Amino acid sequence: MKKATVIARFHSSIEAAWNIVTDNTAFDWRSDIVKIEVSDDGNRFTEFTKDGFETEFTITLKKPYERYEFDMKNKNMDGHWIGLFSRDGSGTKIEFTEEVEVANPIMNFFVKSYLKKQQATYITDLRKAMGE
């Protein structure tokens, strides 16, 4: 398993950060995603990249304004994502951790840097979505 963690602080409220991150029906703020399909019960969703690549997600824990977790799977990897939210003064601190296992052993050499790049893009997009 390869693991990558990103920590960021925002001026926005914890409620604003939580609502943006956990609303899987609103994805226009994401620069890497062109579509998300959400299951009727809201516990599963599939993201589609600009290249048409699909990743399936199953929400495993949703504790408002504290912790959000899901399992993820696509043809290249299986993994788990944990999002921790905490108040930071008048703003918000987030800590997002991804652990993945890749199908192709050669990809093990590149997956951590790929995860870090994805996390950086996500944080940049989130800052823009919150007007920061």
C-alpha atoms as a PDB file:
ATOM      1  CA  MET A   1       0.000   0.000   0.000  1.00  0.00           C
ATOM      2  CA  LYS A   2       1.169   3.494  -0.852  1.00  0.00           C
ATOM      3  CA  LYS A   3       0.053   6.406   1.292  1.00  0.00           C
ATOM      4  CA  ALA A   4      -0.098  10.146   0.691  1.00  0.00           C
ATOM      5  CA  THR A   5      -1.388  12.866   3.023  1.00  0.00           C
ATOM      6  CA  VAL A   6      -2.086  16.533   2.387  1.00  0.00           C
ATOM      7  CA  ILE A   7      -2.798  19.140   5.069  1.00  0.00           C
ATOM      8  CA  ALA A   8      -4.200  22.566   4.245  1.00  0.00           C
ATOM      9  CA  ARG A   9      -5.712  25.498   6.087  1.00  0.00           C
ATOM     10  CA  PHE A  10      -8.514  27.723   4.831  1.00  0.00           C
ATOM     11  CA  HIS A  11     -10.045  30.995   5.981  1.00  0.00           C
ATOM     12  CA  SER A  12     -13.505  29.615   5.203  1.00  0.00           C
ATOM     13  CA  SER A  13     -15.709  27.977   7.807  1.00  0.00           C
ATOM     14  CA  ILE A  14     -15.634  24.270   8.487  1.00  0.00           C
ATOM     15  CA  GLU A  15     -19.250  24.105   7.273  1.00  0.00           C
ATOM     16  CA  ALA A  16     -18.309  25.616   3.909  1.00  0.00           C
ATOM     17  CA  ALA A  17     -15.367  23.229   3.450  1.00  0.00           C
ATOM     18  CA  TRP A  18     -17.438  20.210   4.485  1.00  0.00           C
ATOM     19  CA  ASN A  19     -20.347  21.092   2.209  1.00  0.00           C
ATOM     20  CA  ILE A  20     -18.152  21.524  -0.851  1.00  0.00           C
ATOM     21  CA  VAL A  21     -16.104  18.364  -0.289  1.00  0.00           C
ATOM     22  CA  THR A  22     -19.027  16.086   0.532  1.00  0.00           C
ATOM     23  CA  ASP A  23     -21.529  17.262  -2.098  1.00  0.00           C
ATOM     24  CA  ASN A  24     -20.876  14.753  -4.857  1.00  0.00           C
ATOM     25  CA  THR A  25     -23.598  16.222  -7.070  1.00  0.00           C
ATOM     26  CA  ALA A  26     -21.719  19.529  -7.428  1.00  0.00           C
ATOM     27  CA  PHE A  27     -18.421  18.989  -9.193  1.00  0.00           C
ATOM     28  CA  ASP A  28     -18.032  22.080 -11.384  1.00  0.00           C
ATOM     29  CA  TRP A  29     -15.259  23.342  -9.101  1.00  0.00           C
ATOM     30  CA  ARG A  30     -13.110  20.284  -9.875  1.00  0.00           C
ATOM     31  CA  SER A  31     -10.703  20.881 -12.769  1.00  0.00           C
ATOM     32  CA  ASP A  32      -9.955  17.169 -13.216  1.00  0.00           C
ATOM     33  CA  ILE A  33     -13.532  15.809 -13.326  1.00  0.00           C
ATOM     34  CA  VAL A  34     -16.123  16.188 -16.092  1.00  0.00           C
ATOM     35  CA  LYS A  35     -18.934  14.130 -14.594  1.00  0.00           C
ATOM     36  CA  ILE A  36     -19.994  12.386 -11.400  1.00  0.00           C
ATOM     37  CA  GLU A  37     -22.800   9.846 -11.242  1.00  0.00           C
ATOM     38  CA  VAL A  38     -24.298   9.376  -7.776  1.00  0.00           C
ATOM     39  CA  SER A  39     -26.325   6.314  -6.706  1.00  0.00           C
ATOM     40  CA  ASP A  40     -29.939   6.774  -5.650  1.00  0.00           C
ATOM     41  CA  ASP A  41     -29.052   6.237  -1.992  1.00  0.00           C
ATOM     42  CA  GLY A  42     -26.109   8.686  -2.228  1.00  0.00           C
ATOM     43  CA  ASN A  43     -23.632   6.176  -0.768  1.00  0.00           C
ATOM     44  CA  ARG A  44     -21.850   5.407  -4.029  1.00  0.00           C
ATOM     45  CA  PHE A  45     -20.563   7.626  -6.815  1.00  0.00           C
ATOM     46  CA  THR A  46     -18.443   7.339  -9.946  1.00  0.00           C
ATOM     47  CA  GLU A  47     -16.105  10.083 -11.123  1.00  0.00           C
ATOM     48  CA  PHE A  48     -15.169  10.522 -14.771  1.00  0.00           C
ATOM     49  CA  THR A  49     -11.969  12.331 -15.760  1.00  0.00           C
ATOM     50  CA  LYS A  50     -11.510  14.419 -18.894  1.00  0.00           C
ATOM     51  CA  ASP A  51      -9.928  11.329 -20.475  1.00  0.00           C
ATOM     52  CA  GLY A  52     -13.014   9.235 -19.702  1.00  0.00           C
ATOM     53  CA  PHE A  53     -11.307   7.307 -16.897  1.00  0.00           C
ATOM     54  CA  GLU A  54     -13.762   6.039 -14.261  1.00  0.00           C
ATOM     55  CA  THR A  55     -13.228   5.591 -10.525  1.00  0.00           C
ATOM     56  CA  GLU A  56     -15.903   4.118  -8.270  1.00  0.00           C
ATOM     57  CA  PHE A  57     -16.328   5.275  -4.672  1.00  0.00           C
ATOM     58  CA  THR A  58     -18.285   3.837  -1.750  1.00  0.00           C
ATOM     59  CA  ILE A  59     -18.794   6.083   1.268  1.00  0.00           C
ATOM     60  CA  THR A  60     -17.901   4.194   4.459  1.00  0.00           C
ATOM     61  CA  LEU A  61     -18.168   6.974   7.072  1.00  0.00           C
ATOM     62  CA  LYS A  62     -19.679  10.435   7.134  1.00  0.00           C
ATOM     63  CA  LYS A  63     -19.463  12.234  10.488  1.00  0.00           C
ATOM     64  CA  PRO A  64     -20.467  15.848   9.726  1.00  0.00           C
ATOM     65  CA  TYR A  65     -17.736  18.476  10.074  1.00  0.00           C
ATOM     66  CA  GLU A  66     -15.264  15.870  11.382  1.00  0.00           C
ATOM     67  CA  ARG A  67     -14.588  12.832   9.230  1.00  0.00           C
ATOM     68  CA  TYR A  68     -15.449  11.622   5.730  1.00  0.00           C
ATOM     69  CA  GLU A  69     -14.210   8.279   4.378  1.00  0.00           C
ATOM     70  CA  PHE A  70     -14.685   6.170   1.311  1.00  0.00           C
ATOM     71  CA  ASP A  71     -13.281   3.179  -0.528  1.00  0.00           C
ATOM     72  CA  MET A  72     -12.206   3.737  -4.124  1.00  0.00           C
ATOM     73  CA  LYS A  73     -11.577   1.433  -7.015  1.00  0.00           C
ATOM     74  CA  ASN A  74     -10.707   1.560 -10.686  1.00  0.00           C
ATOM     75  CA  LYS A  75      -8.930  -0.712 -13.139  1.00  0.00           C
ATOM     76  CA  ASN A  76      -5.516   0.375 -11.806  1.00  0.00           C
ATOM     77  CA  MET A  77      -5.986   0.492  -8.035  1.00  0.00           C
ATOM     78  CA  ASP A  78      -7.999  -0.156  -4.895  1.00  0.00           C
ATOM     79  CA  GLY A  79      -7.798   2.176  -1.952  1.00  0.00           C
ATOM     80  CA  HIS A  80      -9.262   4.120   0.916  1.00  0.00           C
ATOM     81  CA  TRP A  81      -9.551   7.870   1.495  1.00  0.00           C
ATOM     82  CA  ILE A  82      -9.903   9.631   4.845  1.00  0.00           C
ATOM     83  CA  GLY A  83     -10.802  13.299   5.183  1.00  0.00           C
ATOM     84  CA  LEU A  84     -10.395  14.950   8.582  1.00  0.00           C
ATOM     85  CA  PHE A  85     -11.902  18.394   9.208  1.00  0.00           C
ATOM     86  CA  SER A  86     -11.178  20.599  12.225  1.00  0.00           C
ATOM     87  CA  ARG A  87     -11.674  24.207  13.229  1.00  0.00           C
ATOM     88  CA  ASP A  88      -8.524  26.296  12.970  1.00  0.00           C
ATOM     89  CA  GLY A  89      -9.162  29.616  14.663  1.00  0.00           C
ATOM     90  CA  SER A  90     -11.954  31.153  12.603  1.00  0.00           C
ATOM     91  CA  GLY A  91     -11.073  28.935   9.642  1.00  0.00           C
ATOM     92  CA  THR A  92     -10.649  25.272   8.809  1.00  0.00           C
ATOM     93  CA  LYS A  93      -7.862  22.716   8.742  1.00  0.00           C
ATOM     94  CA  ILE A  94      -8.232  19.661   6.528  1.00  0.00           C
ATOM     95  CA  GLU A  95      -6.108  16.536   6.436  1.00  0.00           C
ATOM     96  CA  PHE A  96      -6.769  14.170   3.538  1.00  0.00           C
ATOM     97  CA  THR A  97      -5.053  10.773   3.374  1.00  0.00           C
ATOM     98  CA  GLU A  98      -5.181   8.262   0.548  1.00  0.00           C
ATOM     99  CA  GLU A  99      -3.906   4.703   0.741  1.00  0.00           C
ATOM    100  CA  VAL A 100      -3.863   2.724  -2.475  1.00  0.00           C
ATOM    101  CA  GLU A 101      -2.726  -0.605  -3.762  1.00  0.00           C
ATOM    102  CA  VAL A 102      -1.967  -0.702  -7.457  1.00  0.00           C
ATOM    103  CA  ALA A 103      -2.556  -3.637  -9.763  1.00  0.00           C
ATOM    104  CA  ASN A 104       0.673  -3.250 -11.739  1.00  0.00           C
ATOM    105  CA  PRO A 105       3.874  -3.557  -9.649  1.00  0.00           C
ATOM    106  CA  ILE A 106       5.700  -1.116 -11.938  1.00  0.00           C
ATOM    107  CA  MET A 107       3.136   1.552 -11.031  1.00  0.00           C
ATOM    108  CA  ASN A 108       4.316   1.298  -7.406  1.00  0.00           C
ATOM    109  CA  PHE A 109       7.284   3.445  -8.393  1.00  0.00           C
ATOM    110  CA  PHE A 110       5.038   6.287  -9.595  1.00  0.00           C
ATOM    111  CA  VAL A 111       1.855   6.083  -7.545  1.00  0.00           C
ATOM    112  CA  LYS A 112       2.975   8.218  -4.581  1.00  0.00           C
ATOM    113  CA  SER A 113       4.022  11.133  -6.801  1.00  0.00           C
ATOM    114  CA  TYR A 114       0.774  10.734  -8.759  1.00  0.00           C
ATOM    115  CA  LEU A 115      -1.257  10.878  -5.529  1.00  0.00           C
ATOM    116  CA  LYS A 116       0.629  13.985  -4.372  1.00  0.00           C
ATOM    117  CA  LYS A 117      -0.076  15.690  -7.717  1.00  0.00           C
ATOM    118  CA  GLN A 118      -3.778  14.786  -7.501  1.00  0.00           C
ATOM    119  CA  GLN A 119      -3.958  16.097  -3.939  1.00  0.00           C
ATOM    120  CA  ALA A 120      -2.309  19.394  -4.919  1.00  0.00           C
ATOM    121  CA  THR A 121      -4.804  19.864  -7.753  1.00  0.00           C
ATOM    122  CA  TYR A 122      -7.694  19.100  -5.402  1.00  0.00           C
ATOM    123  CA  ILE A 123      -6.521  21.653  -2.806  1.00  0.00           C
ATOM    124  CA  THR A 124      -5.992  24.326  -5.482  1.00  0.00           C
ATOM    125  CA  ASP A 125      -9.492  23.689  -6.831  1.00  0.00           C
ATOM    126  CA  LEU A 126     -10.971  23.713  -3.320  1.00  0.00           C
ATOM    127  CA  ARG A 127      -9.344  27.068  -2.554  1.00  0.00           C
ATOM    128  CA  LYS A 128     -10.889  28.537  -5.699  1.00  0.00           C
ATOM    129  CA  ALA A 129     -14.296  27.039  -4.861  1.00  0.00           C
ATOM    130  CA  MET A 130     -14.161  28.747  -1.456  1.00  0.00           C
ATOM    131  CA  GLY A 131     -13.022  32.050  -2.963  1.00  0.00           C
ATOM    132  CA  GLU A 132      -9.590  31.949  -1.358  1.00  0.00           C
END
